[in-house]
């Protein structure tokens, strides 16, 4: 996930370096306080960087901008566009992921509607947002044994906190500060996360 604020032109180079460092499934553009024009400008700058490296590009909250800007999909929260409406806007081939907090019911509902992944969290304290819920790693284990729909762990994930989530069954890790604020730089963080995932699988 992108930092909460960024200069698209400058960040494009940082992003390229990070994506070149290891296996990254997707980038979620998450600019909560930005104006539409700023989000669109970031899409235009960052989407090609992702696509050149076969990394999916998702937009947070805004299926309309995702569709307009050629993104691969959208991530929606429980207070954003409802799943059915988001799916209608981005189309049947796009990725639609859904935040489910710590709720098994919300996750089951999202999966039944056709979500491509469900996201649980926050698992740890995070400076990115004030999380509505705290999730326990056990929900990842429950989910991974129940269904084939991928699950994403989110919230305060760093190289130090990730292993317990990977062991519990997280298919993907959504990381912000754990990559961009890593002491040795984003590329080093991506390499370290890749090593953790490879060791587990």
N, C-alpha and C. Protein backbone atom coordinates (compact mmCIF):
# COMPACT_ATOMS: atom_id res chain seq x y z
N UNK A 1 0.84 -1.19 0.00
CA UNK A 1 0.00 0.00 0.00
C UNK A 1 0.88 1.24 0.00
N UNK A 2 0.41 2.28 -0.70
CA UNK A 2 1.21 3.49 -0.78
C UNK A 2 1.20 4.22 0.56
N UNK A 3 2.19 5.10 0.76
CA UNK A 3 2.15 5.99 1.92
C UNK A 3 0.90 6.87 1.85
N UNK A 4 0.47 7.44 2.97
CA UNK A 4 -0.76 8.24 2.98
C UNK A 4 -0.66 9.55 2.20
N UNK A 5 0.56 10.01 1.93
CA UNK A 5 0.75 11.20 1.11
C UNK A 5 2.01 10.99 0.28
N UNK A 6 1.97 11.44 -0.97
CA UNK A 6 3.13 11.23 -1.84
C UNK A 6 3.11 12.22 -2.99
N UNK A 7 4.31 12.44 -3.55
CA UNK A 7 4.48 13.18 -4.79
C UNK A 7 4.62 12.12 -5.88
N UNK A 8 3.63 11.99 -6.77
CA UNK A 8 3.64 10.86 -7.72
C UNK A 8 4.92 10.74 -8.53
N UNK A 9 5.44 11.83 -9.03
CA UNK A 9 6.63 11.77 -9.88
C UNK A 9 7.83 11.25 -9.10
N UNK A 10 8.03 11.76 -7.90
CA UNK A 10 9.14 11.29 -7.07
C UNK A 10 8.93 9.87 -6.60
N UNK A 11 7.69 9.57 -6.20
CA UNK A 11 7.42 8.25 -5.64
C UNK A 11 7.53 7.15 -6.69
N UNK A 12 7.31 7.47 -7.95
CA UNK A 12 7.39 6.46 -9.01
C UNK A 12 8.75 5.76 -9.01
N UNK A 13 9.81 6.52 -8.81
CA UNK A 13 11.15 5.92 -8.79
C UNK A 13 11.34 5.03 -7.56
N UNK A 14 10.85 5.51 -6.41
CA UNK A 14 10.93 4.71 -5.18
C UNK A 14 10.14 3.42 -5.33
N UNK A 15 8.97 3.54 -5.92
CA UNK A 15 8.12 2.37 -6.14
C UNK A 15 8.81 1.37 -7.06
N UNK A 16 9.39 1.86 -8.14
CA UNK A 16 10.06 0.96 -9.07
C UNK A 16 11.17 0.18 -8.38
N UNK A 17 11.94 0.86 -7.55
CA UNK A 17 13.03 0.21 -6.83
C UNK A 17 12.49 -0.86 -5.89
N UNK A 18 11.38 -0.56 -5.22
CA UNK A 18 10.79 -1.53 -4.29
C UNK A 18 10.24 -2.74 -5.03
N UNK A 19 9.53 -2.51 -6.13
CA UNK A 19 8.93 -3.62 -6.87
C UNK A 19 9.99 -4.50 -7.53
N UNK A 20 11.11 -3.90 -7.89
CA UNK A 20 12.19 -4.67 -8.52
C UNK A 20 12.93 -5.55 -7.52
N UNK A 21 12.66 -5.34 -6.23
CA UNK A 21 13.43 -6.04 -5.19
C UNK A 21 12.88 -7.43 -4.86
N UNK A 22 11.67 -7.74 -5.31
CA UNK A 22 11.11 -9.05 -4.97
C UNK A 22 9.69 -9.19 -5.46
N UNK A 23 9.05 -10.27 -5.04
CA UNK A 23 7.69 -10.59 -5.48
C UNK A 23 6.68 -9.73 -4.73
N UNK A 24 5.96 -8.89 -5.46
CA UNK A 24 4.88 -8.07 -4.90
C UNK A 24 3.63 -8.35 -5.72
N UNK A 25 2.56 -8.75 -5.06
CA UNK A 25 1.35 -9.13 -5.79
C UNK A 25 0.63 -7.92 -6.37
N UNK A 26 0.50 -6.87 -5.56
CA UNK A 26 -0.21 -5.70 -6.04
C UNK A 26 0.17 -4.47 -5.24
N UNK A 27 -0.14 -3.33 -5.79
CA UNK A 27 0.00 -2.06 -5.09
C UNK A 27 -1.38 -1.46 -4.94
N UNK A 28 -1.72 -1.08 -3.71
CA UNK A 28 -2.98 -0.38 -3.48
C UNK A 28 -2.67 1.11 -3.30
N UNK A 29 -3.22 1.93 -4.17
CA UNK A 29 -3.09 3.38 -4.04
C UNK A 29 -4.10 3.84 -2.99
N UNK A 30 -3.58 4.34 -1.87
CA UNK A 30 -4.45 4.73 -0.77
C UNK A 30 -4.12 6.17 -0.36
N UNK A 31 -4.88 7.10 -0.92
CA UNK A 31 -4.71 8.53 -0.64
C UNK A 31 -6.02 9.05 -0.08
N UNK A 32 -6.24 8.83 1.20
CA UNK A 32 -7.54 9.08 1.81
C UNK A 32 -7.95 10.55 1.79
N UNK A 33 -7.00 11.45 1.94
CA UNK A 33 -7.34 12.87 2.07
C UNK A 33 -7.07 13.67 0.80
N UNK A 34 -6.81 12.97 -0.29
CA UNK A 34 -6.47 13.66 -1.54
C UNK A 34 -7.72 14.01 -2.34
N UNK A 35 -7.60 15.04 -3.17
CA UNK A 35 -8.67 15.40 -4.09
C UNK A 35 -8.65 14.44 -5.29
N UNK A 36 -9.77 14.40 -5.99
CA UNK A 36 -9.88 13.48 -7.13
C UNK A 36 -8.75 13.66 -8.13
N UNK A 37 -8.42 14.91 -8.45
CA UNK A 37 -7.38 15.17 -9.45
C UNK A 37 -6.03 14.63 -8.98
N UNK A 38 -5.79 14.69 -7.67
CA UNK A 38 -4.54 14.17 -7.13
C UNK A 38 -4.49 12.65 -7.22
N UNK A 39 -5.62 12.01 -6.94
CA UNK A 39 -5.68 10.55 -7.04
C UNK A 39 -5.48 10.11 -8.49
N UNK A 40 -6.12 10.82 -9.40
CA UNK A 40 -5.99 10.49 -10.83
C UNK A 40 -4.57 10.70 -11.32
N UNK A 41 -3.93 11.76 -10.85
CA UNK A 41 -2.54 12.01 -11.25
C UNK A 41 -1.63 10.91 -10.73
N UNK A 42 -1.89 10.45 -9.51
CA UNK A 42 -1.10 9.35 -8.95
C UNK A 42 -1.32 8.06 -9.73
N UNK A 43 -2.55 7.82 -10.14
CA UNK A 43 -2.84 6.65 -10.97
C UNK A 43 -2.04 6.68 -12.26
N UNK A 44 -2.03 7.82 -12.91
CA UNK A 44 -1.33 7.94 -14.19
C UNK A 44 0.18 7.74 -14.04
N UNK A 45 0.72 8.16 -12.89
CA UNK A 45 2.16 8.03 -12.68
C UNK A 45 2.56 6.64 -12.23
N UNK A 46 1.73 6.00 -11.42
CA UNK A 46 2.14 4.76 -10.75
C UNK A 46 1.63 3.49 -11.43
N UNK A 47 0.49 3.56 -12.10
CA UNK A 47 -0.04 2.37 -12.75
C UNK A 47 0.95 1.77 -13.76
N UNK A 48 1.59 2.59 -14.62
CA UNK A 48 2.55 2.01 -15.56
C UNK A 48 3.73 1.34 -14.87
N UNK A 49 4.18 1.89 -13.75
CA UNK A 49 5.30 1.30 -13.02
C UNK A 49 4.92 -0.11 -12.58
N UNK A 50 3.69 -0.26 -12.11
CA UNK A 50 3.21 -1.58 -11.68
C UNK A 50 3.06 -2.53 -12.86
N UNK A 51 2.40 -2.06 -13.91
CA UNK A 51 2.10 -2.94 -15.04
C UNK A 51 3.35 -3.39 -15.78
N UNK A 52 4.37 -2.54 -15.80
CA UNK A 52 5.63 -2.94 -16.42
C UNK A 52 6.28 -4.11 -15.68
N UNK A 53 5.88 -4.30 -14.43
CA UNK A 53 6.46 -5.36 -13.60
C UNK A 53 5.44 -6.45 -13.26
N UNK A 54 4.33 -6.46 -13.97
CA UNK A 54 3.28 -7.46 -13.78
C UNK A 54 2.74 -7.45 -12.35
N UNK A 55 2.63 -6.25 -11.79
CA UNK A 55 2.06 -6.06 -10.46
C UNK A 55 0.69 -5.42 -10.62
N UNK A 56 -0.33 -6.00 -10.00
CA UNK A 56 -1.68 -5.45 -10.10
C UNK A 56 -1.74 -4.09 -9.40
N UNK A 57 -2.53 -3.20 -9.97
CA UNK A 57 -2.68 -1.84 -9.43
C UNK A 57 -4.13 -1.64 -8.98
N UNK A 58 -4.32 -1.43 -7.69
CA UNK A 58 -5.66 -1.25 -7.13
C UNK A 58 -5.80 0.16 -6.57
N UNK A 59 -7.01 0.68 -6.61
CA UNK A 59 -7.33 1.98 -6.02
C UNK A 59 -8.20 1.75 -4.79
N UNK A 60 -7.88 2.43 -3.72
CA UNK A 60 -8.65 2.30 -2.49
C UNK A 60 -9.92 3.14 -2.57
N UNK A 61 -11.02 2.55 -2.20
CA UNK A 61 -12.31 3.26 -2.00
C UNK A 61 -13.06 3.67 -3.26
N UNK A 62 -12.36 3.92 -4.37
CA UNK A 62 -12.97 4.63 -5.49
C UNK A 62 -13.06 3.76 -6.76
N UNK A 63 -14.11 2.96 -6.88
CA UNK A 63 -14.27 2.16 -8.10
C UNK A 63 -14.40 3.01 -9.35
N UNK A 64 -14.97 4.22 -9.21
CA UNK A 64 -15.13 5.08 -10.38
C UNK A 64 -13.77 5.50 -10.94
N UNK A 65 -12.86 5.92 -10.06
CA UNK A 65 -11.53 6.30 -10.51
C UNK A 65 -10.75 5.08 -11.00
N UNK A 66 -10.92 3.96 -10.31
CA UNK A 66 -10.25 2.73 -10.75
C UNK A 66 -10.63 2.38 -12.18
N UNK A 67 -11.92 2.47 -12.49
CA UNK A 67 -12.39 2.15 -13.83
C UNK A 67 -11.89 3.16 -14.85
N UNK A 68 -11.94 4.43 -14.50
CA UNK A 68 -11.54 5.49 -15.43
C UNK A 68 -10.05 5.44 -15.75
N UNK A 69 -9.24 5.05 -14.75
CA UNK A 69 -7.79 5.15 -14.89
C UNK A 69 -7.12 3.84 -15.30
N UNK A 70 -7.89 2.84 -15.63
CA UNK A 70 -7.31 1.59 -16.09
C UNK A 70 -6.65 0.77 -15.00
N UNK A 71 -7.11 0.94 -13.77
CA UNK A 71 -6.60 0.13 -12.67
C UNK A 71 -7.10 -1.31 -12.80
N UNK A 72 -6.44 -2.21 -12.11
CA UNK A 72 -6.84 -3.62 -12.15
C UNK A 72 -7.99 -3.93 -11.21
N UNK A 73 -8.32 -2.98 -10.33
CA UNK A 73 -9.42 -3.22 -9.42
C UNK A 73 -9.47 -2.19 -8.32
N UNK A 74 -10.26 -2.52 -7.30
CA UNK A 74 -10.53 -1.58 -6.21
C UNK A 74 -10.58 -2.34 -4.89
N UNK A 75 -10.18 -1.65 -3.84
CA UNK A 75 -10.35 -2.17 -2.48
C UNK A 75 -11.39 -1.31 -1.78
N UNK A 76 -12.39 -1.95 -1.19
CA UNK A 76 -13.45 -1.19 -0.53
C UNK A 76 -13.56 -1.59 0.94
N UNK A 77 -13.88 -0.59 1.76
CA UNK A 77 -14.15 -0.81 3.16
C UNK A 77 -15.64 -0.96 3.40
N UNK A 78 -16.00 -1.19 4.65
CA UNK A 78 -17.40 -1.41 4.97
C UNK A 78 -18.24 -0.13 4.85
N UNK A 79 -17.59 1.02 4.86
CA UNK A 79 -18.32 2.28 4.76
C UNK A 79 -18.17 2.93 3.38
N UNK A 80 -17.58 2.18 2.45
CA UNK A 80 -17.40 2.70 1.09
C UNK A 80 -18.51 2.20 0.18
N UNK A 81 -18.29 2.27 -1.12
CA UNK A 81 -19.26 1.76 -2.09
C UNK A 81 -19.58 0.30 -1.79
N UNK A 82 -20.86 -0.08 -1.74
CA UNK A 82 -21.20 -1.50 -1.52
C UNK A 82 -20.59 -2.40 -2.59
N UNK A 83 -20.36 -3.65 -2.22
CA UNK A 83 -19.67 -4.57 -3.13
C UNK A 83 -20.35 -4.64 -4.50
N UNK A 84 -21.66 -4.84 -4.53
CA UNK A 84 -22.36 -5.03 -5.80
C UNK A 84 -22.18 -3.82 -6.71
N UNK A 85 -22.23 -2.63 -6.14
CA UNK A 85 -22.07 -1.41 -6.93
C UNK A 85 -20.63 -1.28 -7.41
N UNK A 86 -19.68 -1.58 -6.54
CA UNK A 86 -18.27 -1.53 -6.94
C UNK A 86 -18.00 -2.51 -8.07
N UNK A 87 -18.54 -3.71 -7.98
CA UNK A 87 -18.36 -4.71 -9.03
C UNK A 87 -18.97 -4.23 -10.33
N UNK A 88 -20.13 -3.63 -10.27
CA UNK A 88 -20.78 -3.14 -11.49
C UNK A 88 -19.91 -2.08 -12.16
N UNK A 89 -19.29 -1.22 -11.36
CA UNK A 89 -18.51 -0.12 -11.92
C UNK A 89 -17.21 -0.61 -12.55
N UNK A 90 -16.49 -1.50 -11.85
CA UNK A 90 -15.18 -1.92 -12.35
C UNK A 90 -15.26 -3.09 -13.31
N UNK A 91 -16.36 -3.83 -13.28
CA UNK A 91 -16.53 -4.92 -14.22
C UNK A 91 -16.17 -6.28 -13.65
N UNK A 92 -16.63 -7.30 -14.33
CA UNK A 92 -16.48 -8.66 -13.83
C UNK A 92 -15.06 -9.19 -13.81
N UNK A 93 -14.19 -8.63 -14.64
CA UNK A 93 -12.81 -9.13 -14.71
C UNK A 93 -11.87 -8.43 -13.73
N UNK A 94 -12.33 -7.36 -13.12
CA UNK A 94 -11.48 -6.59 -12.21
C UNK A 94 -11.42 -7.25 -10.83
N UNK A 95 -10.42 -6.85 -10.06
CA UNK A 95 -10.27 -7.31 -8.68
C UNK A 95 -11.10 -6.43 -7.76
N UNK A 96 -11.88 -7.05 -6.90
CA UNK A 96 -12.57 -6.30 -5.85
C UNK A 96 -12.27 -6.98 -4.52
N UNK A 97 -11.57 -6.27 -3.65
CA UNK A 97 -11.26 -6.78 -2.32
C UNK A 97 -12.04 -6.01 -1.27
N UNK A 98 -12.32 -6.67 -0.15
CA UNK A 98 -13.20 -6.09 0.85
C UNK A 98 -12.58 -6.18 2.24
N UNK A 99 -12.56 -5.05 2.94
CA UNK A 99 -12.16 -5.03 4.34
C UNK A 99 -13.24 -5.67 5.19
N UNK A 100 -12.85 -6.60 6.05
CA UNK A 100 -13.82 -7.29 6.90
C UNK A 100 -13.50 -7.16 8.38
N UNK A 101 -12.52 -6.32 8.71
CA UNK A 101 -12.14 -6.05 10.10
C UNK A 101 -11.82 -7.36 10.84
N UNK A 102 -12.56 -7.64 11.91
CA UNK A 102 -12.36 -8.89 12.65
C UNK A 102 -13.61 -9.75 12.59
N UNK A 103 -14.42 -9.53 11.53
CA UNK A 103 -15.74 -10.16 11.46
C UNK A 103 -15.78 -11.37 10.51
N UNK A 104 -16.09 -12.51 11.08
CA UNK A 104 -16.25 -13.70 10.25
C UNK A 104 -17.49 -13.57 9.36
N UNK A 105 -18.54 -12.97 9.90
CA UNK A 105 -19.77 -12.81 9.12
C UNK A 105 -19.55 -11.93 7.90
N UNK A 106 -18.84 -10.80 8.09
CA UNK A 106 -18.59 -9.91 6.96
C UNK A 106 -17.73 -10.60 5.90
N UNK A 107 -16.78 -11.40 6.34
CA UNK A 107 -15.93 -12.11 5.40
C UNK A 107 -16.72 -13.15 4.60
N UNK A 108 -17.55 -13.89 5.27
CA UNK A 108 -18.37 -14.88 4.58
C UNK A 108 -19.32 -14.21 3.59
N UNK A 109 -19.88 -13.09 4.01
CA UNK A 109 -20.78 -12.36 3.12
C UNK A 109 -20.04 -11.85 1.89
N UNK A 110 -18.85 -11.31 2.09
CA UNK A 110 -18.06 -10.80 0.96
C UNK A 110 -17.70 -11.93 0.00
N UNK A 111 -17.29 -13.06 0.54
CA UNK A 111 -16.92 -14.19 -0.31
C UNK A 111 -18.12 -14.70 -1.09
N UNK A 112 -19.27 -14.77 -0.44
CA UNK A 112 -20.48 -15.24 -1.13
C UNK A 112 -20.88 -14.30 -2.25
N UNK A 113 -20.62 -13.00 -2.08
CA UNK A 113 -20.96 -12.03 -3.13
C UNK A 113 -19.99 -12.09 -4.30
N UNK A 114 -18.80 -12.66 -4.06
CA UNK A 114 -17.84 -12.79 -5.15
C UNK A 114 -16.55 -12.02 -4.97
N UNK A 115 -16.26 -11.53 -3.77
CA UNK A 115 -15.03 -10.79 -3.53
C UNK A 115 -13.81 -11.64 -3.92
N UNK A 116 -12.82 -10.99 -4.49
CA UNK A 116 -11.61 -11.69 -4.90
C UNK A 116 -10.68 -11.96 -3.73
N UNK A 117 -10.79 -11.17 -2.68
CA UNK A 117 -10.07 -11.42 -1.43
C UNK A 117 -10.78 -10.70 -0.30
N UNK A 118 -10.54 -11.14 0.92
CA UNK A 118 -11.03 -10.45 2.11
C UNK A 118 -9.82 -10.01 2.93
N UNK A 119 -9.96 -8.87 3.59
CA UNK A 119 -8.86 -8.33 4.39
C UNK A 119 -9.29 -8.27 5.85
N UNK A 120 -8.45 -8.81 6.72
CA UNK A 120 -8.70 -8.79 8.16
C UNK A 120 -7.69 -7.87 8.85
N UNK A 121 -8.12 -7.25 9.94
CA UNK A 121 -7.22 -6.41 10.73
C UNK A 121 -7.99 -5.34 11.49
N UNK A 122 -7.32 -4.51 12.20
CA UNK A 122 -5.87 -4.43 12.29
C UNK A 122 -5.33 -5.43 13.32
N UNK A 123 -4.19 -6.04 12.99
CA UNK A 123 -3.60 -7.02 13.89
C UNK A 123 -2.68 -6.38 14.92
N UNK A 124 -2.09 -5.25 14.56
CA UNK A 124 -1.17 -4.55 15.46
C UNK A 124 -1.45 -3.06 15.41
N UNK A 125 -0.97 -2.31 16.38
CA UNK A 125 -1.14 -0.85 16.33
C UNK A 125 -0.54 -0.28 15.04
N UNK A 126 -1.21 0.70 14.48
CA UNK A 126 -0.77 1.26 13.21
C UNK A 126 -0.92 2.77 13.23
N UNK A 127 0.01 3.44 12.58
CA UNK A 127 -0.06 4.88 12.48
C UNK A 127 -0.78 5.35 11.24
N UNK A 128 -1.17 4.41 10.36
CA UNK A 128 -1.81 4.77 9.11
C UNK A 128 -3.24 5.26 9.32
N UNK A 129 -3.94 4.63 10.28
CA UNK A 129 -5.32 5.00 10.56
C UNK A 129 -5.65 4.60 11.99
N UNK A 130 -6.78 5.05 12.46
CA UNK A 130 -7.26 4.65 13.77
C UNK A 130 -8.16 3.44 13.56
N UNK A 131 -7.64 2.23 13.76
CA UNK A 131 -8.42 1.04 13.39
C UNK A 131 -9.67 0.88 14.24
N UNK A 132 -10.75 0.45 13.57
CA UNK A 132 -12.02 0.24 14.25
C UNK A 132 -11.99 -1.03 15.10
N UNK A 133 -11.15 -1.98 14.70
CA UNK A 133 -11.12 -3.26 15.39
C UNK A 133 -9.70 -3.75 15.52
N UNK A 134 -9.50 -4.68 16.45
CA UNK A 134 -8.25 -5.43 16.54
C UNK A 134 -8.59 -6.89 16.28
N UNK A 135 -7.89 -7.47 15.34
CA UNK A 135 -8.13 -8.86 14.98
C UNK A 135 -7.05 -9.75 15.57
N UNK A 136 -7.41 -10.99 15.85
CA UNK A 136 -6.46 -11.98 16.35
C UNK A 136 -6.01 -12.87 15.19
N UNK A 137 -4.77 -13.32 15.18
CA UNK A 137 -4.27 -14.15 14.08
C UNK A 137 -5.11 -15.40 13.82
N UNK A 138 -5.82 -15.87 14.85
CA UNK A 138 -6.63 -17.09 14.69
C UNK A 138 -7.67 -16.96 13.58
N UNK A 139 -8.11 -15.73 13.29
CA UNK A 139 -9.13 -15.58 12.24
C UNK A 139 -8.55 -15.95 10.87
N UNK A 140 -7.25 -15.77 10.70
CA UNK A 140 -6.60 -16.15 9.45
C UNK A 140 -6.57 -17.67 9.31
N UNK A 141 -6.30 -18.35 10.41
CA UNK A 141 -6.29 -19.81 10.39
C UNK A 141 -7.68 -20.35 10.08
N UNK A 142 -8.67 -19.78 10.75
CA UNK A 142 -10.07 -20.19 10.51
C UNK A 142 -10.43 -20.01 9.04
N UNK A 143 -10.08 -18.85 8.50
CA UNK A 143 -10.45 -18.55 7.12
C UNK A 143 -9.74 -19.47 6.13
N UNK A 144 -8.45 -19.67 6.33
CA UNK A 144 -7.67 -20.45 5.36
C UNK A 144 -8.06 -21.92 5.34
N UNK A 145 -8.62 -22.42 6.44
CA UNK A 145 -9.08 -23.81 6.45
C UNK A 145 -10.51 -23.95 5.94
N UNK A 146 -11.22 -22.81 5.84
CA UNK A 146 -12.63 -22.84 5.47
C UNK A 146 -12.85 -22.66 3.97
N UNK A 147 -12.02 -21.84 3.34
CA UNK A 147 -12.31 -21.41 1.97
C UNK A 147 -11.03 -21.23 1.18
N UNK A 148 -11.18 -21.14 -0.15
CA UNK A 148 -10.04 -20.88 -1.01
C UNK A 148 -9.92 -19.41 -1.38
N UNK A 149 -10.86 -18.58 -0.93
CA UNK A 149 -10.76 -17.14 -1.19
C UNK A 149 -9.57 -16.58 -0.40
N UNK A 150 -8.64 -15.91 -1.06
CA UNK A 150 -7.45 -15.42 -0.35
C UNK A 150 -7.79 -14.43 0.75
N UNK A 151 -6.94 -14.42 1.78
CA UNK A 151 -7.11 -13.45 2.86
C UNK A 151 -5.85 -12.60 2.98
N UNK A 152 -6.07 -11.33 3.29
CA UNK A 152 -5.00 -10.36 3.43
C UNK A 152 -4.98 -9.89 4.88
N UNK A 153 -3.80 -9.87 5.46
CA UNK A 153 -3.63 -9.34 6.82
C UNK A 153 -3.19 -7.89 6.72
N UNK A 154 -3.74 -7.04 7.59
CA UNK A 154 -3.47 -5.61 7.50
C UNK A 154 -3.34 -5.02 8.91
N UNK A 155 -2.52 -3.99 9.02
CA UNK A 155 -2.46 -3.24 10.27
C UNK A 155 -1.20 -3.44 11.07
N UNK A 156 -0.26 -2.49 10.97
CA UNK A 156 0.94 -2.52 11.80
C UNK A 156 1.91 -3.63 11.46
N UNK A 157 1.91 -4.08 10.21
CA UNK A 157 2.74 -5.23 9.83
C UNK A 157 4.15 -4.77 9.49
N UNK A 158 5.11 -5.37 10.15
CA UNK A 158 6.52 -5.11 9.92
C UNK A 158 7.24 -6.45 9.77
N UNK A 159 8.53 -6.38 9.47
CA UNK A 159 9.32 -7.61 9.40
C UNK A 159 9.22 -8.37 10.72
N UNK A 160 9.14 -7.65 11.83
CA UNK A 160 9.09 -8.30 13.14
C UNK A 160 7.73 -8.90 13.45
N UNK A 161 6.66 -8.25 13.01
CA UNK A 161 5.32 -8.73 13.36
C UNK A 161 4.73 -9.71 12.34
N UNK A 162 5.31 -9.76 11.14
CA UNK A 162 4.73 -10.56 10.06
C UNK A 162 4.73 -12.07 10.31
N UNK A 163 5.78 -12.66 10.91
CA UNK A 163 5.83 -14.12 10.97
C UNK A 163 4.61 -14.78 11.59
N UNK A 164 4.05 -14.20 12.64
CA UNK A 164 2.90 -14.82 13.30
C UNK A 164 1.69 -14.83 12.37
N UNK A 165 1.58 -13.83 11.51
CA UNK A 165 0.45 -13.76 10.57
C UNK A 165 0.63 -14.74 9.42
N UNK A 166 1.86 -14.86 8.95
CA UNK A 166 2.14 -15.83 7.89
C UNK A 166 1.89 -17.24 8.39
N UNK A 167 2.36 -17.51 9.60
CA UNK A 167 2.16 -18.84 10.18
C UNK A 167 0.68 -19.14 10.40
N UNK A 168 -0.10 -18.10 10.71
CA UNK A 168 -1.53 -18.29 10.96
C UNK A 168 -2.32 -18.55 9.67
N UNK A 169 -1.74 -18.19 8.51
CA UNK A 169 -2.42 -18.50 7.26
C UNK A 169 -2.67 -17.33 6.33
N UNK A 170 -2.08 -16.18 6.59
CA UNK A 170 -2.27 -15.04 5.69
C UNK A 170 -1.71 -15.36 4.31
N UNK A 171 -2.53 -15.14 3.29
CA UNK A 171 -2.06 -15.33 1.91
C UNK A 171 -1.24 -14.13 1.44
N UNK A 172 -1.64 -12.95 1.91
CA UNK A 172 -0.96 -11.71 1.53
C UNK A 172 -0.84 -10.81 2.76
N UNK A 173 0.16 -9.93 2.72
CA UNK A 173 0.36 -8.95 3.78
C UNK A 173 0.21 -7.56 3.17
N UNK A 174 -0.64 -6.73 3.76
CA UNK A 174 -0.78 -5.34 3.32
C UNK A 174 0.09 -4.48 4.22
N UNK A 175 1.11 -3.87 3.63
CA UNK A 175 2.12 -3.17 4.42
C UNK A 175 2.28 -1.74 3.94
N UNK A 176 2.41 -0.82 4.88
CA UNK A 176 2.65 0.59 4.55
C UNK A 176 4.00 0.99 5.14
N UNK A 177 4.00 1.43 6.39
CA UNK A 177 5.24 1.91 7.02
C UNK A 177 6.30 0.81 7.09
N UNK A 178 5.87 -0.44 7.20
CA UNK A 178 6.82 -1.54 7.27
C UNK A 178 7.70 -1.67 6.04
N UNK A 179 7.25 -1.08 4.93
CA UNK A 179 8.07 -1.02 3.72
C UNK A 179 8.70 0.36 3.55
N UNK A 180 7.86 1.40 3.50
CA UNK A 180 8.35 2.73 3.12
C UNK A 180 9.21 3.38 4.20
N UNK A 181 9.01 2.99 5.46
CA UNK A 181 9.81 3.57 6.54
C UNK A 181 10.87 2.61 7.06
N UNK A 182 11.12 1.53 6.34
CA UNK A 182 12.12 0.56 6.78
C UNK A 182 13.49 1.23 6.89
N UNK A 183 14.22 0.88 7.93
CA UNK A 183 15.51 1.54 8.21
C UNK A 183 16.50 1.43 7.05
N UNK A 184 16.44 0.33 6.31
CA UNK A 184 17.38 0.12 5.21
C UNK A 184 16.77 0.43 3.84
N UNK A 185 15.56 0.98 3.85
CA UNK A 185 14.91 1.37 2.61
C UNK A 185 13.86 0.38 2.14
N UNK A 186 12.93 0.82 1.28
CA UNK A 186 11.84 -0.03 0.81
C UNK A 186 12.29 -1.31 0.12
N UNK A 187 13.34 -1.24 -0.70
CA UNK A 187 13.79 -2.44 -1.41
C UNK A 187 14.26 -3.50 -0.43
N UNK A 188 14.98 -3.09 0.60
CA UNK A 188 15.42 -4.04 1.62
C UNK A 188 14.23 -4.67 2.33
N UNK A 189 13.20 -3.86 2.56
CA UNK A 189 12.00 -4.38 3.22
C UNK A 189 11.33 -5.43 2.35
N UNK A 190 11.19 -5.17 1.06
CA UNK A 190 10.56 -6.13 0.16
C UNK A 190 11.35 -7.43 0.13
N UNK A 191 12.66 -7.34 0.08
CA UNK A 191 13.48 -8.55 0.09
C UNK A 191 13.27 -9.33 1.38
N UNK A 192 13.18 -8.62 2.50
CA UNK A 192 13.00 -9.29 3.79
C UNK A 192 11.64 -9.96 3.89
N UNK A 193 10.59 -9.28 3.44
CA UNK A 193 9.25 -9.89 3.44
C UNK A 193 9.22 -11.12 2.52
N UNK A 194 9.89 -11.04 1.40
CA UNK A 194 9.94 -12.19 0.49
C UNK A 194 10.62 -13.38 1.15
N UNK A 195 11.68 -13.12 1.90
CA UNK A 195 12.35 -14.21 2.59
C UNK A 195 11.43 -14.86 3.62
N UNK A 196 10.67 -14.05 4.34
CA UNK A 196 9.73 -14.59 5.33
C UNK A 196 8.68 -15.48 4.67
N UNK A 197 8.12 -15.01 3.58
CA UNK A 197 7.07 -15.77 2.90
C UNK A 197 7.63 -17.06 2.31
N UNK A 198 8.83 -16.97 1.71
CA UNK A 198 9.43 -18.15 1.11
C UNK A 198 9.76 -19.20 2.17
N UNK A 199 10.21 -18.76 3.32
CA UNK A 199 10.55 -19.70 4.39
C UNK A 199 9.31 -20.42 4.90
N UNK A 200 8.17 -19.73 4.89
CA UNK A 200 6.94 -20.32 5.39
C UNK A 200 6.32 -21.28 4.39
N UNK A 201 6.56 -21.04 3.11
CA UNK A 201 5.89 -21.85 2.08
C UNK A 201 6.83 -22.78 1.36
